[in-house]
C-alpha atoms as a PDB file:
ATOM      1  CA  MET A   1     -23.903 147.992 -12.778  1.00  0.00           C
ATOM      2  CA  SER A   2     -20.678 147.207 -14.637  1.00  0.00           C
ATOM      3  CA  GLN A   3     -22.469 144.699 -16.866  1.00  0.00           C
ATOM      4  CA  PHE A   4     -24.662 147.456 -18.279  1.00  0.00           C
ATOM      5  CA  ARG A   5     -23.582 149.972 -20.873  1.00  0.00           C
ATOM      6  CA  LYS A   6     -25.293 153.324 -21.051  1.00  0.00           C
ATOM      7  CA  ASN A   7     -26.220 154.167 -24.609  1.00  0.00           C
ATOM      8  CA  ILE A   8     -26.405 157.677 -26.055  1.00  0.00           C
ATOM      9  CA  PHE A   9     -30.096 158.012 -25.215  1.00  0.00           C
ATOM     10  CA  GLY A  10     -29.428 157.479 -21.503  1.00  0.00           C
ATOM     11  CA  ARG A  11     -30.939 153.981 -21.468  1.00  0.00           C
ATOM     12  CA  PHE A  12     -29.039 151.028 -20.113  1.00  0.00           C
ATOM     13  CA  SER A  13     -28.517 148.074 -22.391  1.00  0.00           C
ATOM     14  CA  GLN A  14     -27.212 144.635 -21.461  1.00  0.00           C
ATOM     15  CA  ASN A  15     -26.536 143.698 -25.041  1.00  0.00           C
ATOM     16  CA  LYS A  16     -23.291 145.186 -26.361  1.00  0.00           C
ATOM     17  CA  HIS A  17     -24.398 144.481 -29.946  1.00  0.00           C
ATOM     18  CA  VAL A  18     -27.544 146.597 -29.501  1.00  0.00           C
ATOM     19  CA  TYR A  19     -25.434 149.425 -28.087  1.00  0.00           C
ATOM     20  CA  CYS A  20     -22.982 149.266 -30.998  1.00  0.00           C
ATOM     21  CA  SER A  21     -25.711 149.066 -33.632  1.00  0.00           C
ATOM     22  CA  GLU A  22     -27.505 152.113 -32.150  1.00  0.00           C
ATOM     23  CA  LYS A  23     -24.209 153.982 -32.081  1.00  0.00           C
ATOM     24  CA  PHE A  24     -23.536 153.023 -35.710  1.00  0.00           C
ATOM     25  CA  GLU A  25     -27.044 154.090 -36.803  1.00  0.00           C
ATOM     26  CA  ASN A  26     -26.545 157.488 -35.199  1.00  0.00           C
ATOM     27  CA  PHE A  27     -23.137 157.770 -36.851  1.00  0.00           C
ATOM     28  CA  LYS A  28     -24.746 157.048 -40.247  1.00  0.00           C
ATOM     29  CA  LYS A  29     -27.385 159.733 -39.573  1.00  0.00           C
ATOM     30  CA  MET A  30     -24.646 162.207 -38.663  1.00  0.00           C
ATOM     31  CA  LEU A  31     -22.779 161.473 -41.920  1.00  0.00           C
ATOM     32  CA  PHE A  32     -26.029 161.837 -43.888  1.00  0.00           C
ATOM     33  CA  PHE A  33     -26.709 165.288 -42.442  1.00  0.00           C
ATOM     34  CA  GLN A  34     -23.078 166.360 -42.896  1.00  0.00           C
ATOM     35  CA  LYS A  35     -23.255 165.342 -46.560  1.00  0.00           C
ATOM     36  CA  TRP A  36     -26.464 167.292 -47.192  1.00  0.00           C
ATOM     37  CA  THR A  37     -25.204 170.308 -45.239  1.00  0.00           C
ATOM     38  CA  LYS A  38     -22.043 170.346 -47.350  1.00  0.00           C
ATOM     39  CA  LEU A  39     -24.115 170.013 -50.531  1.00  0.00           C
ATOM     40  CA  PHE A  40     -26.403 172.851 -49.419  1.00  0.00           C
ATOM     41  CA  ASN A  41     -23.452 175.114 -48.572  1.00  0.00           C
ATOM     42  CA  THR A  42     -21.774 174.327 -51.895  1.00  0.00           C
ATOM     43  CA  SER A  43     -24.929 175.129 -53.852  1.00  0.00           C
ATOM     44  CA  ARG A  44     -25.342 178.342 -51.863  1.00  0.00           C
ATOM     45  CA  GLU A  45     -21.777 179.377 -52.730  1.00  0.00           C
ATOM     46  CA  ILE A  46     -22.469 178.682 -56.413  1.00  0.00           C
ATOM     47  CA  LEU A  47     -25.604 180.828 -56.220  1.00  0.00           C
ATOM     48  CA  LYS A  48     -23.628 183.624 -54.579  1.00  0.00           C
ATOM     49  CA  LYS A  49     -21.143 183.527 -57.463  1.00  0.00           C
ATOM     50  CA  LEU A  50     -23.965 183.606 -60.007  1.00  0.00           C
ATOM     51  CA  LYS A  51     -25.908 186.384 -58.310  1.00  0.00           C
ATOM     52  CA  SER A  52     -24.465 189.095 -60.529  1.00  0.00           C
ATOM     53  CA  PHE A  53     -25.550 187.136 -63.597  1.00  0.00           C
ATOM     54  CA  LEU A  54     -29.053 186.483 -62.259  1.00  0.00           C
ATOM     55  CA  GLY A  55     -29.431 189.760 -60.388  1.00  0.00           C
ATOM     56  CA  ILE A  56     -30.372 188.060 -57.139  1.00  0.00           C
ATOM     57  CA  ASN A  57     -29.484 189.387 -53.715  1.00  0.00           C
ATOM     58  CA  ILE A  58     -29.461 186.131 -51.749  1.00  0.00           C
ATOM     59  CA  GLY A  59     -29.110 187.710 -48.322  1.00  0.00           C
ATOM     60  CA  ASN A  60     -32.342 189.701 -48.523  1.00  0.00           C
ATOM     61  CA  GLU A  61     -34.119 187.520 -51.104  1.00  0.00           C
ATOM     62  CA  LYS A  62     -34.663 190.485 -53.441  1.00  0.00           C
ATOM     63  CA  PHE A  63     -35.220 189.628 -57.080  1.00  0.00           C
ATOM     64  CA  GLU A  64     -34.087 192.474 -59.305  1.00  0.00           C
ATOM     65  CA  ASP A  65     -33.925 190.846 -62.722  1.00  0.00           C
ATOM     66  CA  ASN A  66     -36.601 190.439 -65.383  1.00  0.00           C
ATOM     67  CA  LEU A  67     -36.393 186.686 -64.887  1.00  0.00           C
ATOM     68  CA  PHE A  68     -38.770 187.106 -61.965  1.00  0.00           C
ATOM     69  CA  GLN A  69     -42.145 188.785 -62.120  1.00  0.00           C
ATOM     70  CA  LYS A  70     -42.772 191.456 -59.497  1.00  0.00           C
ATOM     71  CA  TYR A  71     -46.184 191.626 -57.845  1.00  0.00           C
END
């Protein structure tokens, strides 16, 4: 059993290179999602700062300005 390495999916792999490449791929995915989460949060903060200018209440998604047509 010592010759096998358990990868993050719970499967056993004999090849150390396969284990490391899977680990690296998952690390790249994690960095990708962290980058987009940070970008989303930054854009949300910018929108919060501009809400008085646009008249948008972001929390409740109410549009109070004439920029948006009410139905």
